[in-house]
Amino acid sequence: MYTHQLLEGKKGLIFGAVDEASLAWHIAERCHEEGAEIVLTNASFAIQLGDVKRLAEQTNSPLIECDATDITQLQSLFEQTVNYFGGQIDFILHAVAQSPNIRRKRRYDDVNYTYFQQTLDTSALSLHKILQVAKKMDAIAEWGSVVALSYLAAERPIHGYVDMGDAKALLQSICRTFGLVYGAEKHVRINTVSQSPTRTNATKSFGEFKIMQAFTEDMSPLGNATPDSCADVCVMLFSDYTRYVTMQNIANDGGFAAAGLTDSFINNSKFVQLREDENYKD
């Protein structure tokens, strides 16, 4: 693959890669291809169940165990990462999310609140903890970039997404509020990327995921965005070409978030028969 070396000389920390289906995996590969040095991190159980050790070998990157919800472990992670790089970090990817309520197929109006708190802590508050620890340790270089993976459910209710929609809304709020503080003090920019529905381990509990993908494919003028395109957007946000982009949610979804009603949807839905009936009457 032809690269532009947009991240040459930059050093990054990638949270959340598990296996080849992970968006974080694709992003880590692209960062490596674009010239960055990276450190990979995930919780111990995710490392054991996944294949991230192979990614570490492939990208010649250290793999450090860390629970992103644990302040003490985050402090150790940043200390080890800064020591490994011999200096500050230029970019961070937050790709950490899980919902016990979704895994146990709970409805939104019948959630377990202990699970709900776990969803919020893992999927949203972990970003705040990462940023707070990094800022106190001055671990991110001036003009550094932080990107967190989000989803349209932060703005619109999505069937089957249960409490994760609330978590993504909180995630985006943290991006804006922390971005205001970190940007003013250290010129660190913080953005989120909302990706098209993408089959990963995290979406295996979605019973109607194929229907969701088919619907968004029809409703997106450009079709569903691929994992590799998500990686390209993140590389752009990590690069110096987006120095003044911060506190934004970037929709990498083929236009779905902005679309009204597409020809493709009408031509591949029950409305075909309705249209034929109307035309026949005319």
C-alpha atoms as a PDB file:
ATOM      1  CA  MET A   1       0.000   0.000   0.000  1.00  0.00           C
ATOM      2  CA  TYR A   2       1.226   3.475  -0.922  1.00  0.00           C
ATOM      3  CA  THR A   3       1.682   5.689   2.124  1.00  0.00           C
ATOM      4  CA  HIS A   4       2.279   9.399   2.651  1.00  0.00           C
ATOM      5  CA  GLN A   5       4.232   9.016   5.897  1.00  0.00           C
ATOM      6  CA  LEU A   6       1.856  11.481   7.549  1.00  0.00           C
ATOM      7  CA  LEU A   7       2.877  10.269  11.005  1.00  0.00           C
ATOM      8  CA  GLU A   8       6.625   9.994  10.471  1.00  0.00           C
ATOM      9  CA  GLY A   9       8.414  10.691  13.743  1.00  0.00           C
ATOM     10  CA  LYS A  10       5.213  10.620  15.795  1.00  0.00           C
ATOM     11  CA  LYS A  11       4.598   8.389  18.798  1.00  0.00           C
ATOM     12  CA  GLY A  12       1.177   7.021  19.679  1.00  0.00           C
ATOM     13  CA  LEU A  13      -0.708   4.981  22.252  1.00  0.00           C
ATOM     14  CA  ILE A  14      -3.496   2.695  20.988  1.00  0.00           C
ATOM     15  CA  PHE A  15      -6.200   1.480  23.389  1.00  0.00           C
ATOM     16  CA  GLY A  16      -8.561  -1.344  22.485  1.00  0.00           C
ATOM     17  CA  ALA A  17      -7.167  -3.575  19.719  1.00  0.00           C
ATOM     18  CA  VAL A  18      -8.293  -7.177  20.222  1.00  0.00           C
ATOM     19  CA  ASP A  19      -8.197  -8.975  16.868  1.00  0.00           C
ATOM     20  CA  GLU A  20      -8.294  -8.251  13.150  1.00  0.00           C
ATOM     21  CA  ALA A  21     -11.990  -7.353  13.354  1.00  0.00           C
ATOM     22  CA  SER A  22     -11.231  -4.501  15.764  1.00  0.00           C
ATOM     23  CA  LEU A  23     -11.278  -0.988  14.360  1.00  0.00           C
ATOM     24  CA  ALA A  24      -8.331  -0.283  16.659  1.00  0.00           C
ATOM     25  CA  TRP A  25      -6.383  -3.060  14.904  1.00  0.00           C
ATOM     26  CA  HIS A  26      -6.875  -1.414  11.490  1.00  0.00           C
ATOM     27  CA  ILE A  27      -5.983   1.983  12.926  1.00  0.00           C
ATOM     28  CA  ALA A  28      -2.818   0.659  14.571  1.00  0.00           C
ATOM     29  CA  GLU A  29      -1.715  -0.916  11.286  1.00  0.00           C
ATOM     30  CA  ARG A  30      -2.285   2.318   9.361  1.00  0.00           C
ATOM     31  CA  CYS A  31      -0.443   4.391  11.976  1.00  0.00           C
ATOM     32  CA  HIS A  32       2.499   2.015  11.705  1.00  0.00           C
ATOM     33  CA  GLU A  33       2.416   2.158   7.892  1.00  0.00           C
ATOM     34  CA  GLU A  34       2.338   5.960   8.030  1.00  0.00           C
ATOM     35  CA  GLY A  35       5.585   6.044   9.992  1.00  0.00           C
ATOM     36  CA  ALA A  36       4.458   6.219  13.623  1.00  0.00           C
ATOM     37  CA  GLU A  37       5.895   4.311  16.540  1.00  0.00           C
ATOM     38  CA  ILE A  38       3.103   2.911  18.693  1.00  0.00           C
ATOM     39  CA  VAL A  39       2.450   1.248  22.021  1.00  0.00           C
ATOM     40  CA  LEU A  40      -0.535  -1.096  22.261  1.00  0.00           C
ATOM     41  CA  THR A  41      -2.595  -1.534  25.400  1.00  0.00           C
ATOM     42  CA  ASN A  42      -5.654  -3.417  26.554  1.00  0.00           C
ATOM     43  CA  ALA A  43      -7.052  -5.107  29.643  1.00  0.00           C
ATOM     44  CA  SER A  44      -5.507  -8.459  30.552  1.00  0.00           C
ATOM     45  CA  PHE A  45      -8.629 -10.497  29.713  1.00  0.00           C
ATOM     46  CA  ALA A  46      -8.871  -8.887  26.256  1.00  0.00           C
ATOM     47  CA  ILE A  47      -5.222  -9.672  25.581  1.00  0.00           C
ATOM     48  CA  GLN A  48      -5.731 -13.291  26.634  1.00  0.00           C
ATOM     49  CA  LEU A  49      -8.908 -13.771  24.587  1.00  0.00           C
ATOM     50  CA  GLY A  50      -7.742 -11.856  21.521  1.00  0.00           C
ATOM     51  CA  ASP A  51      -4.820 -11.856  19.121  1.00  0.00           C
ATOM     52  CA  VAL A  52      -3.248  -8.489  19.891  1.00  0.00           C
ATOM     53  CA  LYS A  53       0.143 -10.053  20.636  1.00  0.00           C
ATOM     54  CA  ARG A  54       0.407 -10.809  16.917  1.00  0.00           C
ATOM     55  CA  LEU A  55      -0.346  -7.169  16.108  1.00  0.00           C
ATOM     56  CA  ALA A  56       2.402  -6.127  18.519  1.00  0.00           C
ATOM     57  CA  GLU A  57       4.873  -8.356  16.696  1.00  0.00           C
ATOM     58  CA  GLN A  58       3.641  -7.181  13.300  1.00  0.00           C
ATOM     59  CA  THR A  59       4.113  -3.504  14.193  1.00  0.00           C
ATOM     60  CA  ASN A  60       7.192  -4.045  16.385  1.00  0.00           C
ATOM     61  CA  SER A  61       5.321  -2.468  19.289  1.00  0.00           C
ATOM     62  CA  PRO A  62       5.319  -3.156  23.033  1.00  0.00           C
ATOM     63  CA  LEU A  63       2.061  -4.440  24.494  1.00  0.00           C
ATOM     64  CA  ILE A  64       1.229  -3.185  27.985  1.00  0.00           C
ATOM     65  CA  GLU A  65      -1.649  -4.521  30.069  1.00  0.00           C
ATOM     66  CA  CYS A  66      -3.907  -1.800  31.441  1.00  0.00           C
ATOM     67  CA  ASP A  67      -7.494  -1.519  32.622  1.00  0.00           C
ATOM     68  CA  ALA A  68      -8.511   1.881  31.232  1.00  0.00           C
ATOM     69  CA  THR A  69     -10.931   2.388  34.137  1.00  0.00           C
ATOM     70  CA  ASP A  70      -8.186   2.044  36.770  1.00  0.00           C
ATOM     71  CA  ILE A  71      -6.304   5.258  37.615  1.00  0.00           C
ATOM     72  CA  THR A  72      -3.314   3.448  39.137  1.00  0.00           C
ATOM     73  CA  GLN A  73      -2.895   1.238  36.068  1.00  0.00           C
ATOM     74  CA  LEU A  74      -3.226   4.256  33.771  1.00  0.00           C
ATOM     75  CA  GLN A  75      -0.500   6.092  35.673  1.00  0.00           C
ATOM     76  CA  SER A  76       1.776   3.073  35.269  1.00  0.00           C
ATOM     77  CA  LEU A  77       0.878   2.789  31.572  1.00  0.00           C
ATOM     78  CA  PHE A  78       1.752   6.410  30.827  1.00  0.00           C
ATOM     79  CA  GLU A  79       4.975   6.188  32.806  1.00  0.00           C
ATOM     80  CA  GLN A  80       6.037   3.064  30.877  1.00  0.00           C
ATOM     81  CA  THR A  81       4.977   4.541  27.539  1.00  0.00           C
ATOM     82  CA  VAL A  82       6.819   7.839  28.035  1.00  0.00           C
ATOM     83  CA  ASN A  83       9.915   5.923  29.175  1.00  0.00           C
ATOM     84  CA  TYR A  84       9.716   3.667  26.120  1.00  0.00           C
ATOM     85  CA  PHE A  85       9.441   6.598  23.711  1.00  0.00           C
ATOM     86  CA  GLY A  86      11.946   8.693  25.608  1.00  0.00           C
ATOM     87  CA  GLY A  87       9.511  11.581  25.597  1.00  0.00           C
ATOM     88  CA  GLN A  88       5.911  12.664  25.273  1.00  0.00           C
ATOM     89  CA  ILE A  89       3.134  10.986  23.297  1.00  0.00           C
ATOM     90  CA  ASP A  90       1.870  12.644  20.093  1.00  0.00           C
ATOM     91  CA  PHE A  91      -1.458  10.851  19.739  1.00  0.00           C
ATOM     92  CA  ILE A  92      -3.844   8.518  21.557  1.00  0.00           C
ATOM     93  CA  LEU A  93      -6.665   6.326  20.261  1.00  0.00           C
ATOM     94  CA  HIS A  94      -9.510   5.464  22.638  1.00  0.00           C
ATOM     95  CA  ALA A  95     -11.335   2.396  21.305  1.00  0.00           C
ATOM     96  CA  VAL A  96     -12.638   0.999  24.573  1.00  0.00           C
ATOM     97  CA  ALA A  97     -16.304  -0.002  24.896  1.00  0.00           C
ATOM     98  CA  GLN A  98     -18.519  -2.706  26.308  1.00  0.00           C
ATOM     99  CA  SER A  99     -22.088  -3.080  27.574  1.00  0.00           C
ATOM    100  CA  PRO A 100     -23.035  -5.977  29.869  1.00  0.00           C
ATOM    101  CA  ASN A 101     -26.674  -5.036  29.277  1.00  0.00           C
ATOM    102  CA  ILE A 102     -26.302  -5.605  25.536  1.00  0.00           C
ATOM    103  CA  ARG A 103     -24.411  -8.868  26.063  1.00  0.00           C
ATOM    104  CA  ARG A 104     -27.245 -10.082  28.281  1.00  0.00           C
ATOM    105  CA  LYS A 105     -29.848  -8.797  25.814  1.00  0.00           C
ATOM    106  CA  ARG A 106     -31.513  -6.398  28.254  1.00  0.00           C
ATOM    107  CA  ARG A 107     -33.983  -3.869  26.892  1.00  0.00           C
ATOM    108  CA  TYR A 108     -33.403  -0.148  27.457  1.00  0.00           C
ATOM    109  CA  ASP A 109     -36.465   0.018  29.708  1.00  0.00           C
ATOM    110  CA  ASP A 110     -35.271  -2.972  31.741  1.00  0.00           C
ATOM    111  CA  VAL A 111     -31.536  -2.406  32.242  1.00  0.00           C
ATOM    112  CA  ASN A 112     -29.499  -3.647  35.167  1.00  0.00           C
ATOM    113  CA  TYR A 113     -28.115  -0.470  36.742  1.00  0.00           C
ATOM    114  CA  THR A 114     -24.923  -2.087  37.955  1.00  0.00           C
ATOM    115  CA  TYR A 115     -24.299  -3.084  34.338  1.00  0.00           C
ATOM    116  CA  PHE A 116     -25.277   0.420  33.223  1.00  0.00           C
ATOM    117  CA  GLN A 117     -22.612   1.944  35.478  1.00  0.00           C
ATOM    118  CA  GLN A 118     -20.056  -0.511  34.069  1.00  0.00           C
ATOM    119  CA  THR A 119     -21.037   0.546  30.544  1.00  0.00           C
ATOM    120  CA  LEU A 120     -20.549   4.225  31.349  1.00  0.00           C
ATOM    121  CA  ASP A 121     -17.288   3.653  33.215  1.00  0.00           C
ATOM    122  CA  THR A 122     -15.713   1.493  30.522  1.00  0.00           C
ATOM    123  CA  SER A 123     -17.070   3.175  27.414  1.00  0.00           C
ATOM    124  CA  ALA A 124     -17.008   6.858  28.394  1.00  0.00           C
ATOM    125  CA  LEU A 125     -15.502   7.717  31.774  1.00  0.00           C
ATOM    126  CA  SER A 126     -12.373   5.798  30.780  1.00  0.00           C
ATOM    127  CA  LEU A 127     -11.687   8.578  28.253  1.00  0.00           C
ATOM    128  CA  HIS A 128     -11.920  11.192  30.991  1.00  0.00           C
ATOM    129  CA  LYS A 129      -9.586   9.148  33.203  1.00  0.00           C
ATOM    130  CA  ILE A 130      -7.068   8.729  30.380  1.00  0.00           C
ATOM    131  CA  LEU A 131      -7.092  12.458  29.651  1.00  0.00           C
ATOM    132  CA  GLN A 132      -6.932  13.483  33.301  1.00  0.00           C
ATOM    133  CA  VAL A 133      -3.990  11.186  34.064  1.00  0.00           C
ATOM    134  CA  ALA A 134      -2.190  12.202  30.871  1.00  0.00           C
ATOM    135  CA  LYS A 135      -2.654  15.908  31.604  1.00  0.00           C
ATOM    136  CA  LYS A 136      -1.462  15.656  35.211  1.00  0.00           C
ATOM    137  CA  MET A 137       1.611  13.712  34.042  1.00  0.00           C
ATOM    138  CA  ASP A 138       2.137  16.061  31.062  1.00  0.00           C
ATOM    139  CA  ALA A 139       2.337  12.934  28.920  1.00  0.00           C
ATOM    140  CA  ILE A 140       0.883  14.351  25.680  1.00  0.00           C
ATOM    141  CA  ALA A 141       3.055  16.663  23.586  1.00  0.00           C
ATOM    142  CA  GLU A 142       1.898  20.135  22.613  1.00  0.00           C
ATOM    143  CA  TRP A 143      -0.334  19.965  19.522  1.00  0.00           C
ATOM    144  CA  GLY A 144      -0.987  16.315  20.303  1.00  0.00           C
ATOM    145  CA  SER A 145      -4.177  14.584  19.183  1.00  0.00           C
ATOM    146  CA  VAL A 146      -6.657  12.284  20.925  1.00  0.00           C
ATOM    147  CA  VAL A 147      -9.353  10.403  19.000  1.00  0.00           C
ATOM    148  CA  ALA A 148     -12.163   8.332  20.521  1.00  0.00           C
ATOM    149  CA  LEU A 149     -14.404   6.026  18.489  1.00  0.00           C
ATOM    150  CA  SER A 150     -18.086   6.868  18.771  1.00  0.00           C
ATOM    151  CA  TYR A 151     -21.341   6.074  16.971  1.00  0.00           C
ATOM    152  CA  LEU A 152     -24.448   7.870  15.720  1.00  0.00           C
ATOM    153  CA  ALA A 153     -26.419   6.479  18.679  1.00  0.00           C
ATOM    154  CA  ALA A 154     -24.918   9.350  20.684  1.00  0.00           C
ATOM    155  CA  GLU A 155     -27.321  11.619  18.771  1.00  0.00           C
ATOM    156  CA  ARG A 156     -30.208   9.343  17.745  1.00  0.00           C
ATOM    157  CA  PRO A 157     -31.728   6.297  19.448  1.00  0.00           C
ATOM    158  CA  ILE A 158     -30.672   3.116  17.654  1.00  0.00           C
ATOM    159  CA  HIS A 159     -32.547  -0.159  18.074  1.00  0.00           C
ATOM    160  CA  GLY A 160     -30.589  -2.686  20.120  1.00  0.00           C
ATOM    161  CA  TYR A 161     -27.903  -0.228  21.278  1.00  0.00           C
ATOM    162  CA  VAL A 162     -29.476  -0.016  24.769  1.00  0.00           C
ATOM    163  CA  ASP A 163     -27.220   1.933  27.196  1.00  0.00           C
ATOM    164  CA  MET A 164     -24.327   2.334  24.776  1.00  0.00           C
ATOM    165  CA  GLY A 165     -26.088   5.284  23.165  1.00  0.00           C
ATOM    166  CA  ASP A 166     -25.944   7.109  26.491  1.00  0.00           C
ATOM    167  CA  ALA A 167     -22.296   6.117  26.878  1.00  0.00           C
ATOM    168  CA  LYS A 168     -21.406   7.476  23.436  1.00  0.00           C
ATOM    169  CA  ALA A 169     -23.260  10.723  24.197  1.00  0.00           C
ATOM    170  CA  LEU A 170     -21.207  11.078  27.370  1.00  0.00           C
ATOM    171  CA  LEU A 171     -18.043  10.214  25.438  1.00  0.00           C
ATOM    172  CA  GLN A 172     -18.688  13.038  22.974  1.00  0.00           C
ATOM    173  CA  SER A 173     -19.475  15.457  25.804  1.00  0.00           C
ATOM    174  CA  ILE A 174     -16.159  14.601  27.479  1.00  0.00           C
ATOM    175  CA  CYS A 175     -14.424  15.202  24.142  1.00  0.00           C
ATOM    176  CA  ARG A 176     -15.869  18.713  23.927  1.00  0.00           C
ATOM    177  CA  THR A 177     -15.437  19.728  27.567  1.00  0.00           C
ATOM    178  CA  PHE A 178     -11.951  18.281  28.047  1.00  0.00           C
ATOM    179  CA  GLY A 179     -11.029  19.555  24.603  1.00  0.00           C
ATOM    180  CA  LEU A 180     -11.810  23.082  25.737  1.00  0.00           C
ATOM    181  CA  VAL A 181      -9.489  22.767  28.737  1.00  0.00           C
ATOM    182  CA  TYR A 182      -6.677  20.757  27.154  1.00  0.00           C
ATOM    183  CA  GLY A 183      -6.704  22.842  23.991  1.00  0.00           C
ATOM    184  CA  ALA A 184      -6.397  26.150  25.817  1.00  0.00           C
ATOM    185  CA  GLU A 185      -3.608  24.960  28.103  1.00  0.00           C
ATOM    186  CA  LYS A 186      -1.570  22.559  25.960  1.00  0.00           C
ATOM    187  CA  HIS A 187      -2.941  22.834  22.392  1.00  0.00           C
ATOM    188  CA  VAL A 188      -4.010  19.185  22.659  1.00  0.00           C
ATOM    189  CA  ARG A 189      -6.969  18.478  20.397  1.00  0.00           C
ATOM    190  CA  ILE A 190      -9.658  15.888  21.115  1.00  0.00           C
ATOM    191  CA  ASN A 191     -12.156  14.528  18.576  1.00  0.00           C
ATOM    192  CA  THR A 192     -14.494  11.587  18.097  1.00  0.00           C
ATOM    193  CA  VAL A 193     -15.164   9.533  14.957  1.00  0.00           C
ATOM    194  CA  SER A 194     -18.596   8.000  14.344  1.00  0.00           C
ATOM    195  CA  GLN A 195     -18.157   4.970  12.120  1.00  0.00           C
ATOM    196  CA  SER A 196     -20.717   3.090  10.035  1.00  0.00           C
ATOM    197  CA  PRO A 197     -21.999  -0.115  11.684  1.00  0.00           C
ATOM    198  CA  THR A 198     -18.972  -2.412  11.544  1.00  0.00           C
ATOM    199  CA  ARG A 199     -18.862  -6.082  12.487  1.00  0.00           C
ATOM    200  CA  THR A 200     -16.519  -6.470  15.471  1.00  0.00           C
ATOM    201  CA  ASN A 201     -16.480  -8.584  18.616  1.00  0.00           C
ATOM    202  CA  ALA A 202     -18.366  -5.788  20.358  1.00  0.00           C
ATOM    203  CA  THR A 203     -21.292  -6.076  17.901  1.00  0.00           C
ATOM    204  CA  LYS A 204     -21.716  -9.842  18.109  1.00  0.00           C
ATOM    205  CA  SER A 205     -24.469  -9.405  20.709  1.00  0.00           C
ATOM    206  CA  PHE A 206     -26.569  -7.313  18.308  1.00  0.00           C
ATOM    207  CA  GLY A 207     -29.335  -9.620  17.127  1.00  0.00           C
ATOM    208  CA  GLU A 208     -30.272  -7.579  14.060  1.00  0.00           C
ATOM    209  CA  PHE A 209     -26.825  -6.314  13.108  1.00  0.00           C
ATOM    210  CA  LYS A 210     -27.060  -7.498   9.489  1.00  0.00           C
ATOM    211  CA  ILE A 211     -30.348  -5.649   9.125  1.00  0.00           C
ATOM    212  CA  MET A 212     -28.734  -2.507  10.546  1.00  0.00           C
ATOM    213  CA  GLN A 213     -25.855  -2.763   8.081  1.00  0.00           C
ATOM    214  CA  ALA A 214     -28.208  -3.345   5.152  1.00  0.00           C
ATOM    215  CA  PHE A 215     -30.344  -0.355   6.144  1.00  0.00           C
ATOM    216  CA  THR A 216     -27.409   2.035   6.543  1.00  0.00           C
ATOM    217  CA  GLU A 217     -25.909   0.790   3.260  1.00  0.00           C
ATOM    218  CA  ASP A 218     -29.130   1.754   1.445  1.00  0.00           C
ATOM    219  CA  MET A 219     -29.455   5.048   3.305  1.00  0.00           C
ATOM    220  CA  SER A 220     -25.853   6.174   2.772  1.00  0.00           C
ATOM    221  CA  PRO A 221     -25.090   7.884  -0.560  1.00  0.00           C
ATOM    222  CA  LEU A 222     -21.549   6.486  -0.486  1.00  0.00           C
ATOM    223  CA  GLY A 223     -22.445   3.196   1.176  1.00  0.00           C
ATOM    224  CA  ASN A 224     -21.126   1.994   4.529  1.00  0.00           C
ATOM    225  CA  ALA A 225     -17.625   3.141   5.431  1.00  0.00           C
ATOM    226  CA  THR A 226     -15.010   0.390   5.713  1.00  0.00           C
ATOM    227  CA  PRO A 227     -12.723  -0.227   8.700  1.00  0.00           C
ATOM    228  CA  ASP A 228      -9.748   0.884   6.588  1.00  0.00           C
ATOM    229  CA  SER A 229     -11.456   4.185   5.825  1.00  0.00           C
ATOM    230  CA  CYS A 230     -11.966   4.687   9.570  1.00  0.00           C
ATOM    231  CA  ALA A 231      -8.230   4.147   9.996  1.00  0.00           C
ATOM    232  CA  ASP A 232      -7.524   6.746   7.311  1.00  0.00           C
ATOM    233  CA  VAL A 233      -9.691   9.330   9.079  1.00  0.00           C
ATOM    234  CA  CYS A 234      -7.931   8.672  12.378  1.00  0.00           C
ATOM    235  CA  VAL A 235      -4.507   9.010  10.748  1.00  0.00           C
ATOM    236  CA  MET A 236      -5.625  12.348   9.332  1.00  0.00           C
ATOM    237  CA  LEU A 237      -6.760  13.496  12.786  1.00  0.00           C
ATOM    238  CA  PHE A 238      -3.463  12.372  14.309  1.00  0.00           C
ATOM    239  CA  SER A 239      -1.486  14.232  11.647  1.00  0.00           C
ATOM    240  CA  ASP A 240      -0.423  17.865  11.519  1.00  0.00           C
ATOM    241  CA  TYR A 241      -2.925  18.499   8.719  1.00  0.00           C
ATOM    242  CA  THR A 242      -5.715  18.789  11.295  1.00  0.00           C
ATOM    243  CA  ARG A 243      -3.931  20.957  13.854  1.00  0.00           C
ATOM    244  CA  TYR A 244      -6.912  23.222  14.354  1.00  0.00           C
ATOM    245  CA  VAL A 245      -9.651  20.567  14.361  1.00  0.00           C
ATOM    246  CA  THR A 246     -10.812  19.837  17.889  1.00  0.00           C
ATOM    247  CA  MET A 247     -13.924  19.104  19.960  1.00  0.00           C
ATOM    248  CA  GLN A 248     -15.647  17.703  16.841  1.00  0.00           C
ATOM    249  CA  ASN A 249     -17.466  14.504  15.997  1.00  0.00           C
ATOM    250  CA  ILE A 250     -16.427  13.336  12.526  1.00  0.00           C
ATOM    251  CA  ALA A 251     -19.030  11.148  10.797  1.00  0.00           C
ATOM    252  CA  ASN A 252     -17.241   8.499   8.731  1.00  0.00           C
ATOM    253  CA  ASP A 253     -20.443   6.842   7.587  1.00  0.00           C
ATOM    254  CA  GLY A 254     -20.883   7.371   3.857  1.00  0.00           C
ATOM    255  CA  GLY A 255     -23.270  10.251   4.475  1.00  0.00           C
ATOM    256  CA  PHE A 256     -25.784   8.313   6.572  1.00  0.00           C
ATOM    257  CA  ALA A 257     -25.955  10.892   9.367  1.00  0.00           C
ATOM    258  CA  ALA A 258     -26.921  13.632   6.902  1.00  0.00           C
ATOM    259  CA  ALA A 259     -29.127  11.662   4.484  1.00  0.00           C
ATOM    260  CA  GLY A 260     -32.892  11.935   4.278  1.00  0.00           C
ATOM    261  CA  LEU A 261     -34.309   9.358   1.864  1.00  0.00           C
ATOM    262  CA  THR A 262     -32.231   7.728  -0.872  1.00  0.00           C
ATOM    263  CA  ASP A 263     -33.189   6.086  -4.153  1.00  0.00           C
ATOM    264  CA  SER A 264     -31.340   2.971  -3.073  1.00  0.00           C
ATOM    265  CA  PHE A 265     -33.492   2.586   0.032  1.00  0.00           C
ATOM    266  CA  ILE A 266     -36.734   3.034  -1.868  1.00  0.00           C
ATOM    267  CA  ASN A 267     -35.684   0.605  -4.587  1.00  0.00           C
ATOM    268  CA  ASN A 268     -34.759  -2.073  -2.048  1.00  0.00           C
ATOM    269  CA  SER A 269     -37.625  -1.832   0.396  1.00  0.00           C
ATOM    270  CA  LYS A 270     -41.307  -2.520   0.840  1.00  0.00           C
ATOM    271  CA  PHE A 271     -41.937   0.929  -0.642  1.00  0.00           C
ATOM    272  CA  VAL A 272     -41.322  -0.538  -4.097  1.00  0.00           C
ATOM    273  CA  GLN A 273     -44.733  -2.195  -3.942  1.00  0.00           C
ATOM    274  CA  LEU A 274     -46.358   0.951  -2.577  1.00  0.00           C
ATOM    275  CA  ARG A 275     -44.904   2.957  -5.450  1.00  0.00           C
ATOM    276  CA  GLU A 276     -46.099   0.408  -7.994  1.00  0.00           C
ATOM    277  CA  ASP A 277     -49.591   0.540  -6.493  1.00  0.00           C
ATOM    278  CA  GLU A 278     -49.597   4.323  -6.672  1.00  0.00           C
ATOM    279  CA  ASN A 279     -48.363   4.335 -10.252  1.00  0.00           C
ATOM    280  CA  TYR A 280     -50.983   1.772 -11.226  1.00  0.00           C
ATOM    281  CA  LYS A 281     -53.712   3.957  -9.760  1.00  0.00           C
ATOM    282  CA  ASP A 282     -52.428   6.921 -11.722  1.00  0.00           C
END
